[in-house]
Amino acid sequence: MKLYQFIHEPDAKPIYRGTRAEVKADAKEVAAKLRFASRIYEINMNTDKDALVLLLNKGEPVNATVVRSWSVTPRGGLSELEA
């Protein structure tokens, strides 16, 4: 299953969403001058999406594989990072 992890500050707790559109909306809420430190990761996991999003947002540790990652531009767009 594909999920998206959003980290808006280096020491912040990650936020998990089910679609890239949802996580991009979260990224746009971060102040433009702070977006350079934000990262979005597409991760693969094997489970039910709704149960997993709830579990991850409560801070439970899980094993996941990062497939792709993005930085957030000052205008709120996504710029894919090379692996």
N, C-alpha and C. Protein backbone atom coordinates (compact mmCIF):
# COMPACT_ATOMS: atom_id res chain seq x y z
N MET A 1 0.83 -1.17 0.00
CA MET A 1 0.00 0.00 0.00
C MET A 1 0.88 1.24 0.00
N LYS A 2 0.47 2.20 -0.76
CA LYS A 2 1.22 3.46 -0.87
C LYS A 2 0.64 4.49 0.08
N LEU A 3 1.52 5.09 0.90
CA LEU A 3 1.16 6.18 1.80
C LEU A 3 2.17 7.30 1.64
N TYR A 4 1.83 8.48 2.16
CA TYR A 4 2.73 9.63 2.08
C TYR A 4 3.01 10.14 3.48
N GLN A 5 4.29 10.38 3.75
CA GLN A 5 4.75 10.90 5.04
C GLN A 5 5.21 12.34 4.82
N PHE A 6 4.74 13.26 5.66
CA PHE A 6 5.12 14.67 5.56
C PHE A 6 5.83 15.09 6.83
N ILE A 7 7.02 15.66 6.66
CA ILE A 7 7.80 16.19 7.78
C ILE A 7 8.08 17.65 7.47
N HIS A 8 7.53 18.56 8.28
CA HIS A 8 7.67 19.99 7.98
C HIS A 8 8.81 20.66 8.71
N GLU A 9 9.39 20.00 9.70
CA GLU A 9 10.57 20.51 10.40
C GLU A 9 11.46 19.30 10.71
N PRO A 10 12.76 19.49 10.77
CA PRO A 10 13.65 18.34 11.01
C PRO A 10 13.30 17.52 12.25
N ASP A 11 12.85 18.15 13.32
CA ASP A 11 12.55 17.43 14.57
C ASP A 11 11.06 17.20 14.79
N ALA A 12 10.23 17.52 13.81
CA ALA A 12 8.78 17.40 13.97
C ALA A 12 8.30 15.96 13.81
N LYS A 13 7.19 15.66 14.44
CA LYS A 13 6.56 14.35 14.29
C LYS A 13 5.97 14.27 12.88
N PRO A 14 6.20 13.18 12.16
CA PRO A 14 5.67 13.07 10.80
C PRO A 14 4.14 12.99 10.78
N ILE A 15 3.57 13.45 9.68
CA ILE A 15 2.14 13.34 9.42
C ILE A 15 1.99 12.38 8.25
N TYR A 16 1.03 11.47 8.33
CA TYR A 16 0.80 10.49 7.28
C TYR A 16 -0.55 10.75 6.62
N ARG A 17 -0.59 10.63 5.31
CA ARG A 17 -1.82 10.80 4.53
C ARG A 17 -1.92 9.69 3.49
N GLY A 18 -3.12 9.49 2.96
CA GLY A 18 -3.36 8.44 1.99
C GLY A 18 -3.12 8.84 0.55
N THR A 19 -3.12 10.15 0.25
CA THR A 19 -2.90 10.59 -1.13
C THR A 19 -1.87 11.72 -1.17
N ARG A 20 -1.26 11.88 -2.33
CA ARG A 20 -0.29 12.97 -2.50
C ARG A 20 -0.99 14.33 -2.44
N ALA A 21 -2.23 14.40 -2.91
CA ALA A 21 -2.98 15.66 -2.86
C ALA A 21 -3.20 16.11 -1.41
N GLU A 22 -3.50 15.16 -0.52
CA GLU A 22 -3.71 15.51 0.89
C GLU A 22 -2.44 16.02 1.53
N VAL A 23 -1.31 15.36 1.26
CA VAL A 23 -0.06 15.78 1.87
C VAL A 23 0.44 17.09 1.26
N LYS A 24 0.13 17.33 -0.01
CA LYS A 24 0.52 18.60 -0.63
C LYS A 24 -0.28 19.75 0.00
N ALA A 25 -1.55 19.50 0.32
CA ALA A 25 -2.36 20.52 0.99
C ALA A 25 -1.77 20.84 2.37
N ASP A 26 -1.29 19.81 3.09
CA ASP A 26 -0.62 20.04 4.37
C ASP A 26 0.62 20.91 4.18
N ALA A 27 1.39 20.61 3.13
CA ALA A 27 2.63 21.35 2.86
C ALA A 27 2.35 22.81 2.56
N LYS A 28 1.25 23.09 1.89
CA LYS A 28 0.92 24.48 1.55
C LYS A 28 0.54 25.29 2.78
N GLU A 29 0.18 24.63 3.87
CA GLU A 29 -0.17 25.34 5.11
C GLU A 29 1.06 25.82 5.87
N VAL A 30 2.22 25.27 5.54
CA VAL A 30 3.47 25.69 6.18
C VAL A 30 3.86 27.05 5.60
N ALA A 31 4.33 27.96 6.43
CA ALA A 31 4.75 29.28 5.97
C ALA A 31 5.80 29.15 4.86
N ALA A 32 5.69 29.98 3.83
CA ALA A 32 6.57 29.90 2.66
C ALA A 32 8.05 29.91 3.02
N LYS A 33 8.44 30.72 3.99
CA LYS A 33 9.86 30.81 4.34
C LYS A 33 10.37 29.58 5.07
N LEU A 34 9.46 28.70 5.53
CA LEU A 34 9.87 27.49 6.24
C LEU A 34 9.76 26.22 5.38
N ARG A 35 9.23 26.35 4.17
CA ARG A 35 8.99 25.17 3.33
C ARG A 35 10.25 24.48 2.86
N PHE A 36 11.38 25.20 2.80
CA PHE A 36 12.62 24.60 2.29
C PHE A 36 13.04 23.37 3.11
N ALA A 37 12.66 23.31 4.38
CA ALA A 37 13.04 22.19 5.24
C ALA A 37 12.02 21.05 5.20
N SER A 38 10.88 21.26 4.55
CA SER A 38 9.82 20.25 4.50
C SER A 38 10.18 19.14 3.53
N ARG A 39 9.78 17.91 3.88
CA ARG A 39 10.00 16.76 3.01
C ARG A 39 8.76 15.90 2.99
N ILE A 40 8.49 15.33 1.82
CA ILE A 40 7.39 14.39 1.63
C ILE A 40 7.99 13.10 1.10
N TYR A 41 7.57 11.98 1.70
CA TYR A 41 8.07 10.67 1.28
C TYR A 41 6.91 9.76 0.89
N GLU A 42 7.03 9.12 -0.26
CA GLU A 42 6.09 8.08 -0.64
C GLU A 42 6.65 6.78 -0.07
N ILE A 43 5.84 6.08 0.72
CA ILE A 43 6.32 4.86 1.35
C ILE A 43 5.38 3.69 1.00
N ASN A 44 5.93 2.49 0.96
CA ASN A 44 5.15 1.28 0.71
C ASN A 44 5.00 0.48 1.99
N MET A 45 3.75 0.07 2.26
CA MET A 45 3.45 -0.75 3.44
C MET A 45 2.34 -1.73 3.05
N ASN A 46 2.29 -2.85 3.73
CA ASN A 46 1.25 -3.84 3.46
C ASN A 46 0.24 -3.88 4.60
N THR A 47 -0.90 -3.18 4.42
CA THR A 47 -1.97 -3.17 5.41
C THR A 47 -3.15 -2.36 4.88
N ASP A 48 -4.22 -2.25 5.66
CA ASP A 48 -5.39 -1.45 5.33
C ASP A 48 -5.04 0.03 5.51
N LYS A 49 -5.33 0.85 4.52
CA LYS A 49 -4.90 2.25 4.54
C LYS A 49 -5.47 3.04 5.71
N ASP A 50 -6.77 2.97 5.96
CA ASP A 50 -7.37 3.76 7.04
C ASP A 50 -6.81 3.37 8.41
N ALA A 51 -6.66 2.08 8.64
CA ALA A 51 -6.11 1.63 9.92
C ALA A 51 -4.66 2.06 10.08
N LEU A 52 -3.90 1.99 9.00
CA LEU A 52 -2.50 2.36 9.06
C LEU A 52 -2.30 3.85 9.29
N VAL A 53 -3.07 4.70 8.61
CA VAL A 53 -2.96 6.15 8.80
C VAL A 53 -3.26 6.50 10.26
N LEU A 54 -4.30 5.91 10.81
CA LEU A 54 -4.63 6.15 12.22
C LEU A 54 -3.50 5.70 13.13
N LEU A 55 -2.97 4.52 12.87
CA LEU A 55 -1.88 3.99 13.68
C LEU A 55 -0.64 4.87 13.61
N LEU A 56 -0.26 5.28 12.42
CA LEU A 56 0.96 6.08 12.25
C LEU A 56 0.82 7.46 12.87
N ASN A 57 -0.33 8.07 12.76
CA ASN A 57 -0.52 9.41 13.33
C ASN A 57 -0.50 9.38 14.86
N LYS A 58 -0.66 8.21 15.45
CA LYS A 58 -0.54 8.09 16.91
C LYS A 58 0.89 7.84 17.33
N GLY A 59 1.83 7.77 16.37
CA GLY A 59 3.24 7.65 16.69
C GLY A 59 3.77 6.24 16.82
N GLU A 60 3.03 5.26 16.35
CA GLU A 60 3.50 3.88 16.44
C GLU A 60 4.62 3.63 15.43
N PRO A 61 5.68 2.94 15.82
CA PRO A 61 6.77 2.64 14.88
C PRO A 61 6.35 1.56 13.89
N VAL A 62 6.75 1.72 12.64
CA VAL A 62 6.46 0.74 11.60
C VAL A 62 7.65 0.64 10.67
N ASN A 63 7.74 -0.47 9.97
CA ASN A 63 8.76 -0.62 8.94
C ASN A 63 8.17 -0.24 7.61
N ALA A 64 8.87 0.60 6.87
CA ALA A 64 8.38 1.06 5.58
C ALA A 64 9.56 1.26 4.64
N THR A 65 9.26 1.18 3.35
CA THR A 65 10.26 1.41 2.32
C THR A 65 9.96 2.73 1.63
N VAL A 66 10.92 3.65 1.60
CA VAL A 66 10.73 4.91 0.89
C VAL A 66 10.93 4.66 -0.59
N VAL A 67 9.93 5.05 -1.40
CA VAL A 67 9.98 4.85 -2.84
C VAL A 67 10.41 6.11 -3.56
N ARG A 68 9.83 7.25 -3.18
CA ARG A 68 10.14 8.54 -3.78
C ARG A 68 10.11 9.59 -2.68
N SER A 69 10.74 10.75 -2.94
CA SER A 69 10.68 11.83 -1.97
C SER A 69 10.68 13.17 -2.69
N TRP A 70 10.09 14.18 -2.03
CA TRP A 70 9.96 15.52 -2.59
C TRP A 70 10.34 16.55 -1.56
N SER A 71 10.81 17.69 -2.02
CA SER A 71 10.93 18.88 -1.18
C SER A 71 9.76 19.78 -1.57
N VAL A 72 9.48 20.76 -0.73
CA VAL A 72 8.37 21.68 -0.99
C VAL A 72 8.95 23.02 -1.41
N THR A 73 8.49 23.53 -2.55
CA THR A 73 9.00 24.81 -3.07
C THR A 73 8.39 25.97 -2.28
N PRO A 74 8.97 27.16 -2.37
CA PRO A 74 8.41 28.32 -1.67
C PRO A 74 6.97 28.63 -2.06
N ARG A 75 6.57 28.24 -3.28
CA ARG A 75 5.19 28.50 -3.71
C ARG A 75 4.25 27.36 -3.39
N GLY A 76 4.75 26.31 -2.71
CA GLY A 76 3.89 25.19 -2.30
C GLY A 76 3.86 24.03 -3.25
N GLY A 77 4.69 24.06 -4.30
CA GLY A 77 4.76 22.94 -5.23
C GLY A 77 5.70 21.87 -4.70
N LEU A 78 5.72 20.74 -5.38
CA LEU A 78 6.60 19.64 -4.99
C LEU A 78 7.71 19.50 -6.02
N SER A 79 8.93 19.29 -5.53
CA SER A 79 10.09 19.09 -6.37
C SER A 79 10.70 17.74 -6.00
N GLU A 80 10.66 16.76 -6.93
CA GLU A 80 11.14 15.42 -6.61
C GLU A 80 12.64 15.42 -6.37
N LEU A 81 13.04 14.72 -5.32
CA LEU A 81 14.45 14.58 -4.97
C LEU A 81 14.98 13.29 -5.59
N GLU A 82 16.23 13.32 -6.00
CA GLU A 82 16.84 12.12 -6.58
C GLU A 82 17.18 11.15 -5.47
N ALA A 83 17.07 9.87 -5.78
CA ALA A 83 17.33 8.82 -4.79
C ALA A 83 18.78 8.70 -4.44
